[in-house]
Amino acid sequence: MKLKKISHNKDYVRFSKSLTIEVNPIITAEVDLYGGLVTFESDKYGDVKVFEDPEPCFDYYVSGKKLKNSGFEEFYSKLFQGSFENFENEIFDFAILETAKIYYNHLLNLKREEKIYLLLEAIDKAPTFKSTSGEVVLYNQWMCNAILESLGEGYLPSKRYTFDDNGGLATRYGVLKQDCWKLYEKLKNEK
């Protein structure tokens, strides 16, 4: 057996980071963060890195002593206001932002105006099809969704559309390109 060729698919790799986060003078969180690291090739900004489906794993320490996670959740819920879920989400969000700083040209490190322009590029580069009713539909809008999330916007809901597939009818999920354009225009015009 002989390897003839191997090439690196630069648009998808994994990342795995371990972070120690001092939540306050008493509580420390050890966060293992891992997921996909995707590259979007922007004409204006070069290769933009984006985390795909990042997953955290938490361990907590009080005064340097490791806690059982179920015990800590109960401890937190009894002593502090607010939900434990919100507490973990805040740590997760902080861990994501700190990890993004490690990567050159990560989406989360771009300015708002840059993200909005990047959304325009993502809309234009997303693959499309024409539905049987004549609508142009984006069917791989992952980058649009990542940008919208980074801007604090919700995703556009994906719907099922029918299209002509070489003489037969087929269906595929996607979002209307015109709806993406409207959202881009709204974001562009906000101050």
N, C-alpha and C. Protein backbone atom coordinates (compact mmCIF):
# COMPACT_ATOMS: atom_id res chain seq x y z
N MET A 1 0.84 -1.17 0.00
CA MET A 1 0.00 0.00 0.00
C MET A 1 0.90 1.24 0.00
N LYS A 2 0.46 2.26 -0.71
CA LYS A 2 1.27 3.46 -0.83
C LYS A 2 0.35 4.67 -0.87
N LEU A 3 0.64 5.67 -0.04
CA LEU A 3 -0.13 6.91 -0.04
C LEU A 3 0.28 7.73 -1.24
N LYS A 4 -0.68 8.12 -2.04
CA LYS A 4 -0.41 8.90 -3.24
C LYS A 4 -0.50 10.41 -2.96
N LYS A 5 -1.47 10.76 -2.10
CA LYS A 5 -1.67 12.19 -1.84
C LYS A 5 -2.48 12.35 -0.57
N ILE A 6 -2.16 13.36 0.18
CA ILE A 6 -2.98 13.75 1.32
C ILE A 6 -3.01 15.27 1.34
N SER A 7 -4.15 15.83 1.60
CA SER A 7 -4.25 17.28 1.66
C SER A 7 -5.04 17.68 2.89
N HIS A 8 -4.72 18.82 3.40
CA HIS A 8 -5.35 19.36 4.59
C HIS A 8 -6.61 20.13 4.20
N ASN A 9 -7.71 19.82 4.83
CA ASN A 9 -8.94 20.55 4.61
C ASN A 9 -8.94 21.71 5.59
N LYS A 10 -8.48 22.88 5.15
CA LYS A 10 -8.24 23.98 6.07
C LYS A 10 -9.51 24.61 6.64
N ASP A 11 -10.65 24.26 6.13
CA ASP A 11 -11.86 24.90 6.65
C ASP A 11 -12.41 24.23 7.90
N TYR A 12 -11.86 23.10 8.33
CA TYR A 12 -12.42 22.45 9.51
C TYR A 12 -11.34 21.71 10.29
N VAL A 13 -11.11 22.16 11.49
CA VAL A 13 -10.24 21.47 12.43
C VAL A 13 -10.90 21.55 13.80
N ARG A 14 -10.35 20.83 14.75
CA ARG A 14 -10.90 20.85 16.11
C ARG A 14 -10.01 21.74 16.98
N PHE A 15 -10.59 22.26 18.04
CA PHE A 15 -9.79 22.95 19.04
C PHE A 15 -10.14 22.35 20.40
N SER A 16 -9.20 22.40 21.30
CA SER A 16 -9.38 21.91 22.66
C SER A 16 -8.52 22.77 23.57
N LYS A 17 -9.14 23.46 24.49
CA LYS A 17 -8.42 24.35 25.41
C LYS A 17 -8.88 24.09 26.84
N SER A 18 -7.97 24.27 27.77
CA SER A 18 -8.30 24.20 29.20
C SER A 18 -8.05 25.57 29.79
N LEU A 19 -9.06 26.09 30.47
CA LEU A 19 -8.97 27.43 31.06
C LEU A 19 -9.19 27.35 32.57
N THR A 20 -8.46 28.13 33.31
CA THR A 20 -8.69 28.29 34.75
C THR A 20 -9.23 29.71 34.91
N ILE A 21 -10.43 29.81 35.43
CA ILE A 21 -11.10 31.10 35.52
C ILE A 21 -11.43 31.39 36.99
N GLU A 22 -10.91 32.51 37.48
CA GLU A 22 -11.27 32.94 38.83
C GLU A 22 -12.61 33.66 38.72
N VAL A 23 -13.65 33.01 39.20
CA VAL A 23 -14.99 33.57 39.13
C VAL A 23 -15.12 34.70 40.14
N ASN A 24 -14.62 34.48 41.34
CA ASN A 24 -14.55 35.48 42.40
C ASN A 24 -13.44 35.02 43.35
N PRO A 25 -13.14 35.75 44.43
CA PRO A 25 -12.02 35.33 45.29
C PRO A 25 -12.18 33.93 45.91
N ILE A 26 -13.36 33.39 45.91
CA ILE A 26 -13.60 32.08 46.53
C ILE A 26 -13.72 30.96 45.49
N ILE A 27 -14.44 31.23 44.39
CA ILE A 27 -14.78 30.19 43.40
C ILE A 27 -13.86 30.28 42.19
N THR A 28 -13.30 29.13 41.81
CA THR A 28 -12.52 29.00 40.59
C THR A 28 -13.17 27.92 39.73
N ALA A 29 -13.20 28.16 38.44
CA ALA A 29 -13.74 27.17 37.50
C ALA A 29 -12.62 26.70 36.58
N GLU A 30 -12.52 25.40 36.43
CA GLU A 30 -11.64 24.79 35.41
C GLU A 30 -12.57 24.42 34.27
N VAL A 31 -12.33 24.97 33.10
CA VAL A 31 -13.21 24.73 31.95
C VAL A 31 -12.40 24.10 30.82
N ASP A 32 -12.81 22.91 30.43
CA ASP A 32 -12.27 22.30 29.22
C ASP A 32 -13.24 22.66 28.11
N LEU A 33 -12.72 23.31 27.09
CA LEU A 33 -13.56 23.82 26.00
C LEU A 33 -13.06 23.20 24.70
N TYR A 34 -13.98 22.61 23.95
CA TYR A 34 -13.58 21.97 22.70
C TYR A 34 -14.70 22.07 21.68
N GLY A 35 -14.32 21.95 20.42
CA GLY A 35 -15.31 22.01 19.34
C GLY A 35 -14.63 22.14 18.00
N GLY A 36 -15.41 22.52 17.00
CA GLY A 36 -14.88 22.70 15.67
C GLY A 36 -14.31 24.10 15.49
N LEU A 37 -13.31 24.22 14.64
CA LEU A 37 -12.73 25.51 14.29
C LEU A 37 -12.80 25.61 12.77
N VAL A 38 -13.70 26.44 12.31
CA VAL A 38 -14.00 26.54 10.88
C VAL A 38 -13.42 27.85 10.35
N THR A 39 -13.03 27.83 9.09
CA THR A 39 -12.49 29.02 8.43
C THR A 39 -13.47 29.47 7.35
N PHE A 40 -13.80 30.75 7.38
CA PHE A 40 -14.60 31.36 6.32
C PHE A 40 -13.67 32.28 5.54
N GLU A 41 -13.59 32.07 4.24
CA GLU A 41 -12.70 32.87 3.40
C GLU A 41 -13.40 34.15 2.96
N SER A 42 -13.04 35.22 3.63
CA SER A 42 -13.61 36.53 3.33
C SER A 42 -12.74 37.25 2.32
N ASP A 43 -13.37 37.89 1.35
CA ASP A 43 -12.62 38.66 0.36
C ASP A 43 -11.98 39.89 1.01
N LYS A 44 -12.66 40.46 1.99
CA LYS A 44 -12.17 41.69 2.62
C LYS A 44 -11.29 41.44 3.84
N TYR A 45 -11.62 40.41 4.65
CA TYR A 45 -10.94 40.20 5.92
C TYR A 45 -10.04 38.97 5.95
N GLY A 46 -9.90 38.28 4.86
CA GLY A 46 -9.05 37.08 4.83
C GLY A 46 -9.75 35.90 5.48
N ASP A 47 -8.97 34.95 5.96
CA ASP A 47 -9.54 33.75 6.60
C ASP A 47 -10.03 34.10 8.00
N VAL A 48 -11.34 34.06 8.19
CA VAL A 48 -11.95 34.37 9.48
C VAL A 48 -12.26 33.05 10.18
N LYS A 49 -11.78 32.93 11.41
CA LYS A 49 -12.00 31.72 12.21
C LYS A 49 -13.33 31.83 12.94
N VAL A 50 -14.01 30.68 13.05
CA VAL A 50 -15.30 30.62 13.73
C VAL A 50 -15.36 29.31 14.52
N PHE A 51 -15.82 29.38 15.78
CA PHE A 51 -16.02 28.16 16.55
C PHE A 51 -17.33 27.52 16.11
N GLU A 52 -17.32 26.21 15.96
CA GLU A 52 -18.53 25.47 15.61
C GLU A 52 -18.86 24.51 16.75
N ASP A 53 -20.04 24.64 17.29
CA ASP A 53 -20.55 23.78 18.36
C ASP A 53 -19.56 23.62 19.51
N PRO A 54 -19.10 24.73 20.11
CA PRO A 54 -18.19 24.59 21.25
C PRO A 54 -18.90 23.96 22.45
N GLU A 55 -18.20 23.06 23.12
CA GLU A 55 -18.74 22.35 24.27
C GLU A 55 -17.84 22.57 25.48
N PRO A 56 -18.43 22.91 26.64
CA PRO A 56 -17.63 23.06 27.84
C PRO A 56 -17.77 21.85 28.77
N CYS A 57 -16.76 21.66 29.59
CA CYS A 57 -16.82 20.70 30.68
C CYS A 57 -16.28 21.44 31.90
N PHE A 58 -17.09 21.54 32.96
CA PHE A 58 -16.75 22.37 34.11
C PHE A 58 -16.31 21.52 35.32
N ASP A 59 -15.32 22.02 36.03
CA ASP A 59 -14.97 21.55 37.36
C ASP A 59 -14.84 22.79 38.22
N TYR A 60 -15.35 22.72 39.45
CA TYR A 60 -15.34 23.88 40.33
C TYR A 60 -14.50 23.64 41.57
N TYR A 61 -13.91 24.73 42.04
CA TYR A 61 -13.07 24.70 43.23
C TYR A 61 -13.51 25.85 44.15
N VAL A 62 -13.57 25.57 45.44
CA VAL A 62 -13.82 26.60 46.44
C VAL A 62 -12.61 26.60 47.36
N SER A 63 -11.99 27.73 47.47
CA SER A 63 -10.76 27.87 48.27
C SER A 63 -9.74 26.81 47.89
N GLY A 64 -9.64 26.51 46.60
CA GLY A 64 -8.65 25.57 46.10
C GLY A 64 -9.02 24.10 46.18
N LYS A 65 -10.16 23.76 46.73
CA LYS A 65 -10.57 22.36 46.87
C LYS A 65 -11.63 22.02 45.82
N LYS A 66 -11.37 20.92 45.11
CA LYS A 66 -12.30 20.49 44.05
C LYS A 66 -13.62 20.03 44.65
N LEU A 67 -14.70 20.43 43.98
CA LEU A 67 -16.04 20.09 44.43
C LEU A 67 -16.68 19.06 43.52
N LYS A 68 -17.64 18.33 44.04
CA LYS A 68 -18.49 17.48 43.20
C LYS A 68 -19.45 18.43 42.48
N ASN A 69 -19.61 18.24 41.18
CA ASN A 69 -20.45 19.17 40.41
C ASN A 69 -21.88 19.23 40.92
N SER A 70 -22.48 18.08 41.25
CA SER A 70 -23.87 18.10 41.74
C SER A 70 -23.95 18.82 43.08
N GLY A 71 -22.94 18.65 43.93
CA GLY A 71 -22.91 19.33 45.22
C GLY A 71 -22.73 20.82 45.06
N PHE A 72 -21.90 21.21 44.11
CA PHE A 72 -21.68 22.63 43.88
C PHE A 72 -22.94 23.31 43.35
N GLU A 73 -23.67 22.63 42.47
CA GLU A 73 -24.91 23.22 41.95
C GLU A 73 -25.89 23.47 43.10
N GLU A 74 -26.00 22.52 43.99
CA GLU A 74 -26.89 22.67 45.15
C GLU A 74 -26.39 23.81 46.05
N PHE A 75 -25.09 23.83 46.32
CA PHE A 75 -24.47 24.88 47.12
C PHE A 75 -24.74 26.25 46.50
N TYR A 76 -24.51 26.38 45.21
CA TYR A 76 -24.71 27.65 44.52
C TYR A 76 -26.16 28.10 44.60
N SER A 77 -27.08 27.17 44.34
CA SER A 77 -28.51 27.49 44.33
C SER A 77 -29.00 27.93 45.70
N LYS A 78 -28.42 27.39 46.74
CA LYS A 78 -28.86 27.75 48.10
C LYS A 78 -28.27 29.08 48.56
N LEU A 79 -27.07 29.41 48.09
CA LEU A 79 -26.39 30.60 48.60
C LEU A 79 -26.52 31.84 47.73
N PHE A 80 -26.67 31.67 46.44
CA PHE A 80 -26.63 32.81 45.53
C PHE A 80 -27.97 33.03 44.84
N GLN A 81 -28.21 34.28 44.49
CA GLN A 81 -29.40 34.59 43.69
C GLN A 81 -29.08 34.30 42.24
N GLY A 82 -30.12 34.03 41.47
CA GLY A 82 -29.92 33.71 40.06
C GLY A 82 -29.77 32.20 39.90
N SER A 83 -29.99 31.75 38.69
CA SER A 83 -29.97 30.31 38.45
C SER A 83 -28.54 29.82 38.21
N PHE A 84 -28.30 28.58 38.55
CA PHE A 84 -27.01 27.95 38.30
C PHE A 84 -26.73 27.88 36.80
N GLU A 85 -27.79 27.65 36.02
CA GLU A 85 -27.65 27.60 34.57
C GLU A 85 -27.11 28.92 34.03
N ASN A 86 -27.64 30.05 34.52
CA ASN A 86 -27.13 31.36 34.09
C ASN A 86 -25.68 31.55 34.51
N PHE A 87 -25.33 31.09 35.71
CA PHE A 87 -23.97 31.16 36.21
C PHE A 87 -23.02 30.42 35.27
N GLU A 88 -23.36 29.20 34.90
CA GLU A 88 -22.52 28.43 33.99
C GLU A 88 -22.47 29.06 32.59
N ASN A 89 -23.58 29.61 32.13
CA ASN A 89 -23.60 30.27 30.82
C ASN A 89 -22.66 31.48 30.80
N GLU A 90 -22.61 32.23 31.91
CA GLU A 90 -21.71 33.37 31.98
C GLU A 90 -20.25 32.92 31.91
N ILE A 91 -19.93 31.83 32.61
CA ILE A 91 -18.56 31.30 32.58
C ILE A 91 -18.24 30.80 31.17
N PHE A 92 -19.19 30.10 30.56
CA PHE A 92 -19.01 29.58 29.20
C PHE A 92 -18.77 30.72 28.22
N ASP A 93 -19.59 31.76 28.27
CA ASP A 93 -19.43 32.91 27.37
C ASP A 93 -18.06 33.57 27.56
N PHE A 94 -17.64 33.71 28.82
CA PHE A 94 -16.33 34.29 29.11
C PHE A 94 -15.23 33.41 28.53
N ALA A 95 -15.35 32.10 28.71
CA ALA A 95 -14.35 31.16 28.20
C ALA A 95 -14.25 31.23 26.67
N ILE A 96 -15.40 31.33 26.01
CA ILE A 96 -15.42 31.44 24.54
C ILE A 96 -14.70 32.70 24.08
N LEU A 97 -15.02 33.83 24.71
CA LEU A 97 -14.39 35.10 24.31
C LEU A 97 -12.89 35.09 24.57
N GLU A 98 -12.47 34.53 25.69
CA GLU A 98 -11.04 34.46 25.99
C GLU A 98 -10.32 33.53 25.02
N THR A 99 -10.94 32.42 24.67
CA THR A 99 -10.34 31.47 23.73
C THR A 99 -10.25 32.09 22.34
N ALA A 100 -11.25 32.86 21.94
CA ALA A 100 -11.23 33.51 20.62
C ALA A 100 -10.05 34.46 20.49
N LYS A 101 -9.61 35.04 21.59
CA LYS A 101 -8.48 35.98 21.55
C LYS A 101 -7.18 35.29 21.12
N ILE A 102 -7.11 33.98 21.27
CA ILE A 102 -5.91 33.22 20.91
C ILE A 102 -5.75 33.15 19.39
N TYR A 103 -6.87 33.19 18.68
CA TYR A 103 -6.85 32.98 17.23
C TYR A 103 -6.82 34.30 16.49
N TYR A 104 -5.88 34.38 15.56
CA TYR A 104 -5.80 35.55 14.69
C TYR A 104 -7.05 35.60 13.82
N ASN A 105 -7.67 36.73 13.77
CA ASN A 105 -8.81 36.97 12.88
C ASN A 105 -10.02 36.10 13.20
N HIS A 106 -10.33 35.98 14.48
CA HIS A 106 -11.53 35.23 14.88
C HIS A 106 -12.75 36.14 14.78
N LEU A 107 -13.87 35.59 14.37
CA LEU A 107 -15.12 36.34 14.22
C LEU A 107 -15.45 37.16 15.47
N LEU A 108 -15.27 36.57 16.64
CA LEU A 108 -15.64 37.26 17.88
C LEU A 108 -14.74 38.44 18.19
N ASN A 109 -13.60 38.55 17.51
CA ASN A 109 -12.69 39.68 17.74
C ASN A 109 -12.91 40.82 16.76
N LEU A 110 -13.80 40.62 15.79
CA LEU A 110 -14.08 41.68 14.81
C LEU A 110 -15.01 42.73 15.40
N LYS A 111 -14.91 43.94 14.89
CA LYS A 111 -15.81 45.03 15.29
C LYS A 111 -17.20 44.78 14.70
N ARG A 112 -18.18 45.42 15.28
CA ARG A 112 -19.57 45.26 14.83
C ARG A 112 -19.72 45.56 13.34
N GLU A 113 -19.14 46.67 12.88
CA GLU A 113 -19.24 47.04 11.46
C GLU A 113 -18.61 45.98 10.57
N GLU A 114 -17.50 45.41 11.03
CA GLU A 114 -16.83 44.36 10.25
C GLU A 114 -17.70 43.10 10.16
N LYS A 115 -18.36 42.77 11.27
CA LYS A 115 -19.24 41.60 11.28
C LYS A 115 -20.42 41.81 10.33
N ILE A 116 -20.94 43.02 10.32
CA ILE A 116 -22.09 43.31 9.44
C ILE A 116 -21.66 43.19 7.97
N TYR A 117 -20.49 43.71 7.63
CA TYR A 117 -20.01 43.56 6.26
C TYR A 117 -19.75 42.08 5.95
N LEU A 118 -19.21 41.36 6.92
CA LEU A 118 -18.95 39.93 6.74
C LEU A 118 -20.26 39.17 6.49
N LEU A 119 -21.35 39.62 7.13
CA LEU A 119 -22.66 39.02 6.90
C LEU A 119 -23.05 39.16 5.43
N LEU A 120 -22.79 40.31 4.86
CA LEU A 120 -23.08 40.53 3.44
C LEU A 120 -22.30 39.53 2.58
N GLU A 121 -21.02 39.35 2.89
CA GLU A 121 -20.21 38.38 2.14
C GLU A 121 -20.74 36.96 2.33
N ALA A 122 -21.13 36.62 3.54
CA ALA A 122 -21.63 35.27 3.82
C ALA A 122 -22.93 35.01 3.06
N ILE A 123 -23.79 36.01 2.97
CA ILE A 123 -25.04 35.87 2.21
C ILE A 123 -24.72 35.62 0.74
N ASP A 124 -23.80 36.42 0.21
CA ASP A 124 -23.45 36.30 -1.21
C ASP A 124 -22.74 34.99 -1.54
N LYS A 125 -21.99 34.43 -0.57
CA LYS A 125 -21.22 33.20 -0.83
C LYS A 125 -21.98 31.92 -0.49
N ALA A 126 -23.08 32.03 0.23
CA ALA A 126 -23.82 30.83 0.61
C ALA A 126 -24.42 30.17 -0.64
N PRO A 127 -24.40 28.84 -0.71
CA PRO A 127 -25.00 28.15 -1.85
C PRO A 127 -26.52 28.36 -1.86
N THR A 128 -27.08 28.43 -3.05
CA THR A 128 -28.51 28.70 -3.19
C THR A 128 -29.17 27.72 -4.16
N PHE A 129 -30.48 27.71 -4.11
CA PHE A 129 -31.28 27.04 -5.13
C PHE A 129 -32.54 27.88 -5.33
N LYS A 130 -33.23 27.64 -6.41
CA LYS A 130 -34.47 28.35 -6.69
C LYS A 130 -35.63 27.41 -6.41
N SER A 131 -36.55 27.86 -5.55
CA SER A 131 -37.70 27.04 -5.22
C SER A 131 -38.66 26.98 -6.40
N THR A 132 -39.61 26.06 -6.35
CA THR A 132 -40.59 25.94 -7.44
C THR A 132 -41.45 27.19 -7.55
N SER A 133 -41.52 28.01 -6.48
CA SER A 133 -42.27 29.26 -6.56
C SER A 133 -41.37 30.44 -6.94
N GLY A 134 -40.11 30.16 -7.32
CA GLY A 134 -39.24 31.20 -7.84
C GLY A 134 -38.40 31.93 -6.80
N GLU A 135 -38.44 31.52 -5.55
CA GLU A 135 -37.69 32.19 -4.50
C GLU A 135 -36.25 31.67 -4.47
N VAL A 136 -35.31 32.56 -4.21
CA VAL A 136 -33.91 32.16 -4.06
C VAL A 136 -33.70 31.82 -2.58
N VAL A 137 -33.20 30.59 -2.34
CA VAL A 137 -33.08 30.07 -0.97
C VAL A 137 -31.61 29.73 -0.68
N LEU A 138 -31.11 30.23 0.46
CA LEU A 138 -29.79 29.82 0.94
C LEU A 138 -29.97 28.50 1.67
N TYR A 139 -29.16 27.50 1.35
CA TYR A 139 -29.34 26.22 2.03
C TYR A 139 -28.16 25.80 2.89
N ASN A 140 -27.13 26.58 2.94
CA ASN A 140 -26.03 26.31 3.86
C ASN A 140 -25.64 27.64 4.46
N GLN A 141 -26.40 28.06 5.42
CA GLN A 141 -26.25 29.41 5.97
C GLN A 141 -25.55 29.41 7.33
N TRP A 142 -24.68 28.44 7.59
CA TRP A 142 -24.02 28.34 8.89
C TRP A 142 -23.23 29.60 9.23
N MET A 143 -22.54 30.20 8.26
CA MET A 143 -21.75 31.38 8.56
C MET A 143 -22.65 32.57 8.86
N CYS A 144 -23.75 32.69 8.13
CA CYS A 144 -24.72 33.76 8.43
C CYS A 144 -25.20 33.62 9.87
N ASN A 145 -25.52 32.40 10.27
CA ASN A 145 -25.99 32.16 11.64
C ASN A 145 -24.92 32.50 12.67
N ALA A 146 -23.68 32.13 12.41
CA ALA A 146 -22.59 32.43 13.34
C ALA A 146 -22.42 33.95 13.49
N ILE A 147 -22.50 34.67 12.40
CA ILE A 147 -22.35 36.13 12.45
C ILE A 147 -23.53 36.74 13.20
N LEU A 148 -24.73 36.29 12.89
CA LEU A 148 -25.90 36.82 13.57
C LEU A 148 -25.81 36.59 15.08
N GLU A 149 -25.38 35.41 15.47
CA GLU A 149 -25.22 35.11 16.89
C GLU A 149 -24.18 36.03 17.53
N SER A 150 -23.07 36.28 16.84
CA SER A 150 -22.03 37.16 17.37
C SER A 150 -22.53 38.60 17.51
N LEU A 151 -23.55 38.95 16.75
CA LEU A 151 -24.15 40.28 16.81
C LEU A 151 -25.31 40.34 17.80
N GLY A 152 -25.61 39.23 18.45
CA GLY A 152 -26.72 39.19 19.41
C GLY A 152 -28.08 39.04 18.76
N GLU A 153 -28.08 38.62 17.51
CA GLU A 153 -29.33 38.42 16.77
C GLU A 153 -29.70 36.94 16.77
N GLY A 154 -30.98 36.65 16.62
CA GLY A 154 -31.41 35.27 16.48
C GLY A 154 -31.23 34.80 15.05
N TYR A 155 -31.20 33.49 14.88
CA TYR A 155 -31.10 32.91 13.55
C TYR A 155 -32.40 33.14 12.79
N LEU A 156 -32.28 33.23 11.48
CA LEU A 156 -33.48 33.18 10.65
C LEU A 156 -33.96 31.74 10.63
N PRO A 157 -35.26 31.51 10.83
CA PRO A 157 -35.74 30.12 10.87
C PRO A 157 -35.64 29.44 9.51
N SER A 158 -35.11 28.25 9.52
CA SER A 158 -34.98 27.45 8.32
C SER A 158 -36.33 26.80 8.00
N LYS A 159 -36.71 26.83 6.73
CA LYS A 159 -37.98 26.24 6.31
C LYS A 159 -37.73 25.26 5.17
N ARG A 160 -38.70 24.43 4.94
CA ARG A 160 -38.59 23.43 3.88
C ARG A 160 -39.13 24.01 2.57
N TYR A 161 -38.32 23.86 1.51
CA TYR A 161 -38.70 24.37 0.19
C TYR A 161 -38.61 23.24 -0.84
N THR A 162 -39.47 23.32 -1.83
CA THR A 162 -39.47 22.35 -2.93
C THR A 162 -38.78 23.00 -4.12
N PHE A 163 -37.98 22.19 -4.83
CA PHE A 163 -37.29 22.71 -6.01
C PHE A 163 -37.22 21.61 -7.07
N ASP A 164 -36.98 22.02 -8.31
CA ASP A 164 -36.85 21.09 -9.44
C ASP A 164 -35.43 20.54 -9.44
N ASP A 165 -35.32 19.23 -9.31
CA ASP A 165 -34.02 18.57 -9.28
C ASP A 165 -33.89 17.66 -10.50
N ASN A 166 -33.39 18.24 -11.60
CA ASN A 166 -33.22 17.49 -12.85
C ASN A 166 -34.51 16.79 -13.31
N GLY A 167 -35.59 17.53 -13.33
CA GLY A 167 -36.86 17.01 -13.83
C GLY A 167 -37.77 16.42 -12.76
N GLY A 168 -37.25 16.16 -11.57
CA GLY A 168 -38.07 15.65 -10.46
C GLY A 168 -38.10 16.68 -9.35
N LEU A 169 -39.08 16.56 -8.48
CA LEU A 169 -39.19 17.49 -7.37
C LEU A 169 -38.41 16.95 -6.17
N ALA A 170 -37.73 17.85 -5.50
CA ALA A 170 -36.98 17.50 -4.29
C ALA A 170 -37.24 18.60 -3.25
N THR A 171 -36.90 18.32 -2.01
CA THR A 171 -37.06 19.33 -0.96
C THR A 171 -35.73 19.51 -0.23
N ARG A 172 -35.58 20.70 0.30
CA ARG A 172 -34.37 21.04 1.05
C ARG A 172 -34.74 22.17 2.00
N TYR A 173 -34.06 22.22 3.13
CA TYR A 173 -34.29 23.30 4.10
C TYR A 173 -33.35 24.46 3.82
N GLY A 174 -33.83 25.66 4.12
CA GLY A 174 -33.03 26.85 3.94
C GLY A 174 -33.78 28.09 4.36
N VAL A 175 -33.18 29.23 4.08
CA VAL A 175 -33.79 30.53 4.38
C VAL A 175 -33.82 31.37 3.10
N LEU A 176 -34.81 32.21 3.00
CA LEU A 176 -34.92 33.06 1.82
C LEU A 176 -33.79 34.09 1.79
N LYS A 177 -33.17 34.22 0.64
CA LYS A 177 -32.07 35.17 0.49
C LYS A 177 -32.57 36.59 0.76
N GLN A 178 -33.78 36.90 0.33
CA GLN A 178 -34.33 38.25 0.54
C GLN A 178 -34.50 38.54 2.03
N ASP A 179 -34.82 37.54 2.84
CA ASP A 179 -34.93 37.75 4.29
C ASP A 179 -33.57 38.04 4.90
N CYS A 180 -32.55 37.38 4.39
CA CYS A 180 -31.18 37.64 4.85
C CYS A 180 -30.76 39.06 4.49
N TRP A 181 -31.10 39.47 3.27
CA TRP A 181 -30.78 40.84 2.84
C TRP A 181 -31.48 41.87 3.72
N LYS A 182 -32.75 41.62 4.04
CA LYS A 182 -33.49 42.56 4.89
C LYS A 182 -32.84 42.69 6.25
N LEU A 183 -32.42 41.57 6.82
CA LEU A 183 -31.77 41.60 8.12
C LEU A 183 -30.43 42.33 8.03
N TYR A 184 -29.68 42.07 6.97
CA TYR A 184 -28.42 42.79 6.76
C TYR A 184 -28.67 44.30 6.70
N GLU A 185 -29.66 44.72 5.91
CA GLU A 185 -29.98 46.17 5.78
C GLU A 185 -30.37 46.76 7.13
N LYS A 186 -31.16 46.04 7.90
CA LYS A 186 -31.56 46.51 9.23
C LYS A 186 -30.34 46.73 10.11
N LEU A 187 -29.44 45.73 10.14
CA LEU A 187 -28.24 45.83 10.97
C LEU A 187 -27.33 46.96 10.49
N LYS A 188 -27.19 47.09 9.18
CA LYS A 188 -26.32 48.12 8.60
C LYS A 188 -26.81 49.52 8.97
N ASN A 189 -28.12 49.70 9.04
CA ASN A 189 -28.69 51.01 9.29
C ASN A 189 -28.86 51.35 10.78
N GLU A 190 -28.62 50.38 11.65
CA GLU A 190 -28.70 50.65 13.09
C GLU A 190 -27.47 51.42 13.53
N LYS A 191 -27.64 52.29 14.44
CA LYS A 191 -26.50 53.07 14.96
C LYS A 191 -25.99 52.46 16.23
